[in-house]
Protein backbone atom coordinates (compact mmCIF):
# COMPACT_ATOMS: atom_id res chain seq x y z
CA UNK A 1 6.44 -8.72 -9.64
CA UNK A 2 3.65 -5.97 -9.70
CA UNK A 3 4.70 -2.22 -10.23
CA UNK A 4 3.49 0.35 -8.02
CA UNK A 5 3.06 4.20 -9.95
CA UNK A 6 4.25 7.16 -7.26
CA UNK A 7 4.10 10.23 -7.69
CA UNK A 8 7.41 11.83 -7.11
CA UNK A 9 5.98 14.74 -4.85
CA UNK A 10 5.74 10.97 -2.62
CA UNK A 11 9.42 10.23 -2.50
CA UNK A 12 8.80 9.14 1.38
CA UNK A 13 5.86 7.71 0.40
CA UNK A 14 8.27 5.35 -2.20
CA UNK A 15 10.97 5.07 0.30
CA UNK A 16 8.51 2.95 2.39
CA UNK A 17 7.26 1.04 0.01
CA UNK A 18 10.81 0.01 -1.46
CA UNK A 19 11.46 -0.52 2.08
CA UNK A 20 9.09 -3.36 2.66
CA UNK A 21 9.54 -4.99 -0.92
CA UNK A 22 7.44 -3.20 -3.49
CA UNK A 23 8.44 -2.24 -7.16
CA UNK A 24 7.84 1.18 -7.31
CA UNK A 25 7.91 3.53 -10.65
CA UNK A 26 7.41 7.25 -10.97
CA UNK A 27 3.89 8.18 -12.64
CA UNK A 28 4.41 9.44 -15.69
CA UNK A 29 3.81 13.01 -17.12
CA UNK A 30 0.20 13.49 -18.76
CA UNK A 31 2.44 13.73 -22.19
CA UNK A 32 3.00 9.96 -21.52
CA UNK A 33 -0.99 8.83 -20.54
CA UNK A 34 -0.75 6.29 -23.70
CA UNK A 35 2.79 4.96 -22.09
CA UNK A 36 1.19 4.88 -18.85
CA UNK A 37 -1.91 3.08 -20.38
CA UNK A 38 0.17 0.80 -22.20
CA UNK A 39 2.13 -0.65 -19.24
CA UNK A 40 -1.36 -0.75 -17.23
CA UNK A 41 -2.77 -3.04 -19.53
CA UNK A 42 0.07 -4.79 -20.05
CA UNK A 43 0.06 -5.97 -16.46
CA UNK A 44 2.74 -3.83 -14.90
CA UNK A 45 1.40 -1.52 -12.80
CA UNK A 46 -1.20 -2.97 -9.79
CA UNK A 47 -2.12 0.54 -8.86
CA UNK A 48 -1.21 4.11 -8.77
CA UNK A 49 -0.47 6.25 -5.47
CA UNK A 50 -0.74 10.30 -6.01
CA UNK A 51 -1.11 13.17 -3.36
CA UNK A 52 -4.44 14.31 -4.68
CA UNK A 53 -3.02 17.79 -5.02
CA UNK A 54 -4.60 17.95 -8.44
CA UNK A 55 -8.20 16.95 -7.11
CA UNK A 56 -10.35 17.35 -10.06
CA UNK A 57 -13.42 20.25 -8.91
CA UNK A 58 -15.09 19.80 -11.95
CA UNK A 59 -16.20 15.86 -11.74
CA UNK A 60 -14.69 14.79 -14.87
CA UNK A 61 -12.14 12.54 -15.63
CA UNK A 62 -10.24 10.86 -18.15
CA UNK A 63 -9.85 7.16 -17.73
CA UNK A 64 -6.50 6.77 -18.68
CA UNK A 65 -5.74 2.91 -17.22
CA UNK A 66 -7.55 0.54 -15.54
CA UNK A 67 -5.74 0.56 -11.98
CA UNK A 68 -6.56 1.85 -8.73
CA UNK A 69 -5.65 5.18 -7.23
CA UNK A 70 -4.67 5.79 -3.94
CA UNK A 71 -5.11 9.11 -3.18
CA UNK A 72 -2.38 9.65 -0.35
CA UNK A 73 -3.62 12.74 1.38
CA UNK A 74 -3.46 12.74 4.59
CA UNK A 75 -2.47 9.27 5.02
CA UNK A 76 1.12 7.97 6.93
CA UNK A 77 3.27 6.19 4.54
CA UNK A 78 2.40 3.13 6.24
CA UNK A 79 -1.31 3.67 5.88
CA UNK A 80 -0.25 3.83 1.73
CA UNK A 81 1.49 0.73 2.14
CA UNK A 82 -1.62 -1.32 3.82
CA UNK A 83 -3.65 0.23 1.09
CA UNK A 84 -1.37 -1.32 -1.82
CA UNK A 85 -1.17 -4.75 -0.37
CA UNK A 86 -4.83 -4.47 -1.20
CA UNK A 87 -4.12 -5.08 -5.09
CA UNK A 88 -0.46 -6.72 -4.65
CA UNK A 89 -2.03 -9.72 -5.19
C-alpha cells in the first residue's frame, strides 16, 4: 500500500487519514531530502501533505521528489482525505 507523508504539525490530519485506512509517515527533515527522494522514487509515498507555513515567497524551489504536494492550509481533515484519495490509486 502506498503511504502518505504528513508534516508533524498536522497530527489531526494524520490521525484522520489513518482512521480512513491510509498508511501515514512523517515528512522527512530537510537534511533527509535524499532519503525522501529515494523513498518516493521507489513508489512508497503517493503524496506529501504540508501545512503551507513554510510557503516559498521567492518562487524558487528544489524538487526533492516527483510526487504531488497537498497544501492543507485552510482545509479540514475530510477535505485533505478527499485530495489524498485522488493520488492513492
